PDB file of N, CA and C in Angstrom:
ATOM      1  N   MET A   1      -2.034 -10.937   1.081  1.00  0.00           N
ATOM      2  CA  MET A   1      -2.823 -10.245   0.091  1.00  0.00           C
ATOM      3  C   MET A   1      -3.855  -9.330   0.756  1.00  0.00           C
ATOM      4  N   ALA A   2      -4.410  -9.757   1.863  1.00  0.00           N
ATOM      5  CA  ALA A   2      -5.393  -8.921   2.556  1.00  0.00           C
ATOM      6  C   ALA A   2      -4.740  -7.671   3.119  1.00  0.00           C
ATOM      7  N   PHE A   3      -3.492  -7.799   3.577  1.00  0.00           N
ATOM      8  CA  PHE A   3      -2.762  -6.634   4.090  1.00  0.00           C
ATOM      9  C   PHE A   3      -2.570  -5.598   2.992  1.00  0.00           C
ATOM     10  N   ILE A   4      -2.177  -6.033   1.802  1.00  0.00           N
ATOM     11  CA  ILE A   4      -1.952  -5.112   0.695  1.00  0.00           C
ATOM     12  C   ILE A   4      -3.268  -4.475   0.268  1.00  0.00           C
ATOM     13  N   ALA A   5      -4.332  -5.238   0.243  1.00  0.00           N
ATOM     14  CA  ALA A   5      -5.633  -4.683  -0.131  1.00  0.00           C
ATOM     15  C   ALA A   5      -6.091  -3.633   0.882  1.00  0.00           C
ATOM     16  N   ALA A   6      -5.885  -3.901   2.157  1.00  0.00           N
ATOM     17  CA  ALA A   6      -6.263  -2.930   3.184  1.00  0.00           C
ATOM     18  C   ALA A   6      -5.358  -1.700   3.138  1.00  0.00           C
ATOM     19  N   TRP A   7      -4.090  -1.894   2.858  1.00  0.00           N
ATOM     20  CA  TRP A   7      -3.133  -0.789   2.790  1.00  0.00           C
ATOM     21  C   TRP A   7      -3.487   0.159   1.639  1.00  0.00           C
ATOM     22  N   ASN A   8      -3.962  -0.370   0.546  1.00  0.00           N
ATOM     23  CA  ASN A   8      -4.245   0.420  -0.641  1.00  0.00           C
ATOM     24  C   ASN A   8      -5.731   0.730  -0.811  1.00  0.00           C
ATOM     25  N   GLU A   9      -6.504   0.679   0.239  1.00  0.00           N
ATOM     26  CA  GLU A   9      -7.941   0.931   0.163  1.00  0.00           C
ATOM     27  C   GLU A   9      -8.185   2.409  -0.118  1.00  0.00           C
ATOM     28  N   TYR A  10      -8.302   2.731  -1.378  1.00  0.00           N
ATOM     29  CA  TYR A  10      -8.376   4.125  -1.810  1.00  0.00           C
ATOM     30  C   TYR A  10      -9.772   4.708  -1.664  1.00  0.00           C
ATOM     31  N   MET A  11     -10.742   4.058  -2.231  1.00  0.00           N
ATOM     32  CA  MET A  11     -12.091   4.628  -2.245  1.00  0.00           C
ATOM     33  C   MET A  11     -12.702   4.703  -0.848  1.00  0.00           C
ATOM     34  N   PHE A  12     -12.447   3.699  -0.022  1.00  0.00           N
ATOM     35  CA  PHE A  12     -13.006   3.718   1.328  1.00  0.00           C
ATOM     36  C   PHE A  12     -12.431   4.875   2.132  1.00  0.00           C
ATOM     37  N   ALA A  13     -11.177   5.215   1.892  1.00  0.00           N
ATOM     38  CA  ALA A  13     -10.560   6.315   2.624  1.00  0.00           C
ATOM     39  C   ALA A  13     -10.868   7.662   1.989  1.00  0.00           C
ATOM     40  N   ASN A  14     -11.108   7.707   0.722  1.00  0.00           N
ATOM     41  CA  ASN A  14     -11.306   8.972   0.018  1.00  0.00           C
ATOM     42  C   ASN A  14     -12.678   9.590   0.288  1.00  0.00           C
ATOM     43  N   ILE A  15     -13.691   8.788   0.406  1.00  0.00           N
ATOM     44  CA  ILE A  15     -15.051   9.321   0.531  1.00  0.00           C
ATOM     45  C   ILE A  15     -15.293   9.995   1.891  1.00  0.00           C
ATOM     46  N   PRO A  16     -15.046   9.349   3.036  1.00  0.00           N
ATOM     47  CA  PRO A  16     -15.403  10.005   4.301  1.00  0.00           C
ATOM     48  C   PRO A  16     -14.377  11.028   4.816  1.00  0.00           C
ATOM     49  N   ILE A  17     -13.148  10.982   4.350  1.00  0.00           N
ATOM     50  CA  ILE A  17     -12.114  11.858   4.894  1.00  0.00           C
ATOM     51  C   ILE A  17     -12.071  13.160   4.103  1.00  0.00           C
ATOM     52  N   SER A  18     -12.247  14.263   4.807  1.00  0.00           N
ATOM     53  CA  SER A  18     -12.188  15.561   4.137  1.00  0.00           C
ATOM     54  C   SER A  18     -11.047  16.421   4.653  1.00  0.00           C
ATOM     55  N   SER A  19     -10.468  16.054   5.769  1.00  0.00           N
ATOM     56  CA  SER A  19      -9.398  16.837   6.379  1.00  0.00           C
ATOM     57  C   SER A  19      -8.028  16.373   5.881  1.00  0.00           C
ATOM     58  N   ASP A  20      -7.127  17.316   5.644  1.00  0.00           N
ATOM     59  CA  ASP A  20      -5.772  16.969   5.216  1.00  0.00           C
ATOM     60  C   ASP A  20      -4.991  16.245   6.313  1.00  0.00           C
ATOM     61  N   ALA A  21      -5.306  16.514   7.570  1.00  0.00           N
ATOM     62  CA  ALA A  21      -4.570  15.912   8.680  1.00  0.00           C
ATOM     63  C   ALA A  21      -4.895  14.436   8.869  1.00  0.00           C
ATOM     64  N   THR A  22      -6.051  13.991   8.398  1.00  0.00           N
ATOM     65  CA  THR A  22      -6.458  12.605   8.643  1.00  0.00           C
ATOM     66  C   THR A  22      -6.438  11.730   7.406  1.00  0.00           C
ATOM     67  N   ARG A  23      -5.959  12.226   6.285  1.00  0.00           N
ATOM     68  CA  ARG A  23      -5.980  11.396   5.078  1.00  0.00           C
ATOM     69  C   ARG A  23      -4.899  10.322   5.117  1.00  0.00           C
ATOM     70  N   THR A  24      -5.135   9.249   4.394  1.00  0.00           N
ATOM     71  CA  THR A  24      -4.227   8.114   4.384  1.00  0.00           C
ATOM     72  C   THR A  24      -3.089   8.349   3.386  1.00  0.00           C
ATOM     73  N   ALA A  25      -2.152   7.413   3.354  1.00  0.00           N
ATOM     74  CA  ALA A  25      -0.979   7.555   2.487  1.00  0.00           C
ATOM     75  C   ALA A  25      -1.374   7.533   1.009  1.00  0.00           C
ATOM     76  N   SER A  26      -2.306   6.677   0.629  1.00  0.00           N
ATOM     77  CA  SER A  26      -2.694   6.611  -0.779  1.00  0.00           C
ATOM     78  C   SER A  26      -3.422   7.871  -1.229  1.00  0.00           C
ATOM     79  N   ILE A  27      -4.198   8.484  -0.359  1.00  0.00           N
ATOM     80  CA  ILE A  27      -4.862   9.744  -0.688  1.00  0.00           C
ATOM     81  C   ILE A  27      -3.833  10.861  -0.779  1.00  0.00           C
ATOM     82  N   GLY A  28      -2.858  10.852   0.106  1.00  0.00           N
ATOM     83  CA  GLY A  28      -1.783  11.842   0.041  1.00  0.00           C
ATOM     84  C   GLY A  28      -0.956  11.704  -1.222  1.00  0.00           C
ATOM     85  N   LEU A  29      -0.749  10.479  -1.658  1.00  0.00           N
ATOM     86  CA  LEU A  29      -0.012  10.239  -2.898  1.00  0.00           C
ATOM     87  C   LEU A  29      -0.784  10.782  -4.103  1.00  0.00           C
ATOM     88  N   GLN A  30      -2.078  10.622  -4.099  1.00  0.00           N
ATOM     89  CA  GLN A  30      -2.896  11.137  -5.179  1.00  0.00           C
ATOM     90  C   GLN A  30      -2.898  12.660  -5.185  1.00  0.00           C
ATOM     91  N   ALA A  31      -2.752  13.275  -4.018  1.00  0.00           N
ATOM     92  CA  ALA A  31      -2.734  14.733  -3.931  1.00  0.00           C
ATOM     93  C   ALA A  31      -1.475  15.326  -4.569  1.00  0.00           C
ATOM     94  N   LEU A  32      -0.430  14.524  -4.751  1.00  0.00           N
ATOM     95  CA  LEU A  32       0.798  15.007  -5.374  1.00  0.00           C
ATOM     96  C   LEU A  32       0.669  15.154  -6.890  1.00  0.00           C
ATOM     97  N   ILE A  33      -0.363  14.568  -7.463  1.00  0.00           N
ATOM     98  CA  ILE A  33      -0.568  14.648  -8.909  1.00  0.00           C
ATOM     99  C   ILE A  33      -1.344  15.925  -9.215  1.00  0.00           C
ATOM    100  N   GLY A  34      -0.729  16.824  -9.954  1.00  0.00           N
ATOM    101  CA  GLY A  34      -1.360  18.091 -10.298  1.00  0.00           C
ATOM    102  C   GLY A  34      -2.197  17.980 -11.555  1.00  0.00           C
ATOM    103  N   SER A  35      -3.052  18.969 -11.779  1.00  0.00           N
ATOM    104  CA  SER A  35      -3.901  18.933 -12.965  1.00  0.00           C
ATOM    105  C   SER A  35      -3.145  19.372 -14.214  1.00  0.00           C
ATOM    106  N   HIS A  36      -2.145  20.249 -14.057  1.00  0.00           N
ATOM    107  CA  HIS A  36      -1.401  20.735 -15.219  1.00  0.00           C
ATOM    108  C   HIS A  36       0.065  20.312 -15.212  1.00  0.00           C
ATOM    109  N   SER A  37       0.629  20.149 -14.031  1.00  0.00           N
ATOM    110  CA  SER A  37       2.028  19.710 -13.950  1.00  0.00           C
ATOM    111  C   SER A  37       2.198  18.820 -12.731  1.00  0.00           C
ATOM    112  N   THR A  38       3.127  17.889 -12.839  1.00  0.00           N
ATOM    113  CA  THR A  38       3.389  16.937 -11.762  1.00  0.00           C
ATOM    114  C   THR A  38       4.883  16.833 -11.547  1.00  0.00           C
ATOM    115  N   ASP A  39       5.301  16.883 -10.280  1.00  0.00           N
ATOM    116  CA  ASP A  39       6.705  16.681  -9.938  1.00  0.00           C
ATOM    117  C   ASP A  39       6.925  15.172  -9.804  1.00  0.00           C
ATOM    118  N   TYR A  40       7.431  14.548 -10.877  1.00  0.00           N
ATOM    119  CA  TYR A  40       7.561  13.094 -10.898  1.00  0.00           C
ATOM    120  C   TYR A  40       8.631  12.585  -9.948  1.00  0.00           C
ATOM    121  N   GLY A  41       9.626  13.396  -9.646  1.00  0.00           N
ATOM    122  CA  GLY A  41      10.626  12.987  -8.662  1.00  0.00           C
ATOM    123  C   GLY A  41      10.022  12.825  -7.282  1.00  0.00           C
ATOM    124  N   MET A  42       9.215  13.796  -6.860  1.00  0.00           N
ATOM    125  CA  MET A  42       8.556  13.724  -5.556  1.00  0.00           C
ATOM    126  C   MET A  42       7.526  12.600  -5.537  1.00  0.00           C
ATOM    127  N   LEU A  43       6.815  12.426  -6.637  1.00  0.00           N
ATOM    128  CA  LEU A  43       5.815  11.371  -6.721  1.00  0.00           C
ATOM    129  C   LEU A  43       6.466   9.987  -6.620  1.00  0.00           C
ATOM    130  N   THR A  44       7.604   9.811  -7.278  1.00  0.00           N
ATOM    131  CA  THR A  44       8.320   8.536  -7.216  1.00  0.00           C
ATOM    132  C   THR A  44       8.864   8.287  -5.815  1.00  0.00           C
ATOM    133  N   ALA A  45       9.441   9.321  -5.201  1.00  0.00           N
ATOM    134  CA  ALA A  45       9.970   9.169  -3.837  1.00  0.00           C
ATOM    135  C   ALA A  45       8.857   8.815  -2.851  1.00  0.00           C
ATOM    136  N   ALA A  46       7.712   9.466  -2.973  1.00  0.00           N
ATOM    137  CA  ALA A  46       6.587   9.162  -2.086  1.00  0.00           C
ATOM    138  C   ALA A  46       6.061   7.747  -2.329  1.00  0.00           C
ATOM    139  N   SER A  47       6.064   7.306  -3.579  1.00  0.00           N
ATOM    140  CA  SER A  47       5.614   5.945  -3.888  1.00  0.00           C
ATOM    141  C   SER A  47       6.543   4.904  -3.283  1.00  0.00           C
ATOM    142  N   VAL A  48       7.841   5.158  -3.344  1.00  0.00           N
ATOM    143  CA  VAL A  48       8.811   4.230  -2.758  1.00  0.00           C
ATOM    144  C   VAL A  48       8.647   4.196  -1.240  1.00  0.00           C
ATOM    145  N   ILE A  49       8.497   5.359  -0.624  1.00  0.00           N
ATOM    146  CA  ILE A  49       8.316   5.411   0.828  1.00  0.00           C
ATOM    147  C   ILE A  49       7.032   4.695   1.233  1.00  0.00           C
ATOM    148  N   MET A  50       6.002   4.799   0.417  1.00  0.00           N
ATOM    149  CA  MET A  50       4.743   4.122   0.712  1.00  0.00           C
ATOM    150  C   MET A  50       4.853   2.610   0.535  1.00  0.00           C
ATOM    151  N   ALA A  51       5.703   2.156  -0.387  1.00  0.00           N
ATOM    152  CA  ALA A  51       5.841   0.726  -0.650  1.00  0.00           C
ATOM    153  C   ALA A  51       6.761   0.028   0.346  1.00  0.00           C
ATOM    154  N   VAL A  52       7.638   0.751   1.010  1.00  0.00           N
ATOM    155  CA  VAL A  52       8.619   0.138   1.911  1.00  0.00           C
ATOM    156  C   VAL A  52       7.961  -0.672   3.042  1.00  0.00           C
ATOM    157  N   PRO A  53       6.940  -0.169   3.752  1.00  0.00           N
ATOM    158  CA  PRO A  53       6.340  -1.000   4.810  1.00  0.00           C
ATOM    159  C   PRO A  53       5.749  -2.312   4.301  1.00  0.00           C
ATOM    160  N   VAL A  54       5.155  -2.301   3.119  1.00  0.00           N
ATOM    161  CA  VAL A  54       4.587  -3.522   2.549  1.00  0.00           C
ATOM    162  C   VAL A  54       5.697  -4.521   2.240  1.00  0.00           C
ATOM    163  N   ILE A  55       6.794  -4.056   1.681  1.00  0.00           N
ATOM    164  CA  ILE A  55       7.923  -4.933   1.351  1.00  0.00           C
ATOM    165  C   ILE A  55       8.550  -5.498   2.610  1.00  0.00           C
ATOM    166  N   VAL A  56       8.752  -4.659   3.631  1.00  0.00           N
ATOM    167  CA  VAL A  56       9.337  -5.124   4.896  1.00  0.00           C
ATOM    168  C   VAL A  56       8.417  -6.144   5.556  1.00  0.00           C
ATOM    169  N   PHE A  57       7.118  -5.877   5.555  1.00  0.00           N
ATOM    170  CA  PHE A  57       6.159  -6.817   6.136  1.00  0.00           C
ATOM    171  C   PHE A  57       6.222  -8.155   5.421  1.00  0.00           C
ATOM    172  N   PHE A  58       6.271  -8.150   4.100  1.00  0.00           N
ATOM    173  CA  PHE A  58       6.349  -9.395   3.346  1.00  0.00           C
ATOM    174  C   PHE A  58       7.647 -10.140   3.640  1.00  0.00           C
ATOM    175  N   LEU A  59       8.763  -9.420   3.734  1.00  0.00           N
ATOM    176  CA  LEU A  59      10.032 -10.079   4.027  1.00  0.00           C
ATOM    177  C   LEU A  59      10.025 -10.718   5.411  1.00  0.00           C
ATOM    178  N   LEU A  60       9.329 -10.099   6.357  1.00  0.00           N
ATOM    179  CA  LEU A  60       9.258 -10.660   7.707  1.00  0.00           C
ATOM    180  C   LEU A  60       8.393 -11.917   7.764  1.00  0.00           C
ATOM    181  N   ILE A  61       7.336 -11.991   6.981  1.00  0.00           N
ATOM    182  CA  ILE A  61       6.437 -13.151   7.038  1.00  0.00           C
ATOM    183  C   ILE A  61       6.624 -14.102   5.866  1.00  0.00           C
ATOM    184  N   GLN A  62       7.671 -13.929   5.111  1.00  0.00           N
ATOM    185  CA  GLN A  62       7.877 -14.730   3.909  1.00  0.00           C
ATOM    186  C   GLN A  62       7.926 -16.227   4.212  1.00  0.00           C
ATOM    187  N   ARG A  63       8.610 -16.611   5.281  1.00  0.00           N
ATOM    188  CA  ARG A  63       8.725 -18.028   5.618  1.00  0.00           C
ATOM    189  C   ARG A  63       7.361 -18.621   5.948  1.00  0.00           C
ATOM    190  N   CYS A  64       6.579 -17.919   6.748  1.00  0.00           N
ATOM    191  CA  CYS A  64       5.237 -18.407   7.096  1.00  0.00           C
ATOM    192  C   CYS A  64       4.347 -18.480   5.858  1.00  0.00           C
ATOM    193  N   PHE A  65       4.492 -17.524   4.973  1.00  0.00           N
ATOM    194  CA  PHE A  65       3.707 -17.502   3.745  1.00  0.00           C
ATOM    195  C   PHE A  65       4.023 -18.720   2.882  1.00  0.00           C
ATOM    196  N   ARG A  66       5.307 -19.037   2.729  1.00  0.00           N
ATOM    197  CA  ARG A  66       5.702 -20.200   1.920  1.00  0.00           C
ATOM    198  C   ARG A  66       5.239 -21.497   2.555  1.00  0.00           C
ATOM    199  N   GLU A  67       5.398 -21.614   3.879  1.00  0.00           N
ATOM    200  CA  GLU A  67       4.973 -22.836   4.558  1.00  0.00           C
ATOM    201  C   GLU A  67       3.459 -23.033   4.447  1.00  0.00           C
ATOM    202  N   GLY A  68       2.699 -21.950   4.521  1.00  0.00           N
ATOM    203  CA  GLY A  68       1.253 -22.047   4.393  1.00  0.00           C
ATOM    204  C   GLY A  68       0.834 -22.493   3.001  1.00  0.00           C
ATOM    205  N   LEU A  69       1.524 -21.979   2.005  1.00  0.00           N
ATOM    206  CA  LEU A  69       1.229 -22.413   0.636  1.00  0.00           C
ATOM    207  C   LEU A  69       1.599 -23.868   0.413  1.00  0.00           C
ATOM    208  N   ALA A  70       2.717 -24.296   0.983  1.00  0.00           N
ATOM    209  CA  ALA A  70       3.135 -25.689   0.824  1.00  0.00           C
ATOM    210  C   ALA A  70       2.194 -26.638   1.570  1.00  0.00           C
ATOM    211  N   MET A  71       1.758 -26.268   2.755  1.00  0.00           N
ATOM    212  CA  MET A  71       0.850 -27.128   3.513  1.00  0.00           C
ATOM    213  C   MET A  71      -0.536 -27.183   2.878  1.00  0.00           C
ATOM    214  N   GLY A  72      -0.923 -26.149   2.187  1.00  0.00           N
ATOM    215  CA  GLY A  72      -2.231 -26.152   1.520  1.00  0.00           C
ATOM    216  C   GLY A  72      -2.264 -27.087   0.340  1.00  0.00           C
ATOM    217  N   GLY A  73      -1.095 -27.397  -0.226  1.00  0.00           N
ATOM    218  CA  GLY A  73      -1.043 -28.292  -1.375  1.00  0.00           C
ATOM    219  C   GLY A  73      -0.923 -29.760  -1.021  1.00  0.00           C
ATOM    220  N   VAL A  74      -0.728 -30.065   0.277  1.00  0.00           N
ATOM    221  CA  VAL A  74      -0.569 -31.451   0.733  1.00  0.00           C
ATOM    222  C   VAL A  74      -1.945 -32.019   1.065  1.00  0.00           C
ATOM    223  N   LYS A  75      -2.230 -33.180   0.497  1.00  0.00           N
ATOM    224  CA  LYS A  75      -3.523 -33.808   0.740  1.00  0.00           C
ATOM    225  C   LYS A  75      -3.335 -34.989   1.694  1.00  0.00           C
ATOM    226  N   GLY A  76      -4.224 -35.064   2.660  1.00  0.00           N
ATOM    227  CA  GLY A  76      -4.211 -36.227   3.536  1.00  0.00           C
ATOM    228  C   GLY A  76      -3.710 -35.917   4.839  1.00  0.00           C
TER     229      GLY A  76
END
């Protein structure tokens, strides 16, 4: 959960970053939304590309995550 929260930290990245070269993925995703028109195909593709690392990371640590939850429920 902490990884996902850090990955999606929008406000912390939005305030100090003013350069296009140094903005994060979530800020770049927000830049795809236009004020009058939005290309929803590009927005969806960028959202999927942004979600892939989080999904892969979860799949890699899934076993440890389950074991940690199971051990936390055992008393004694």
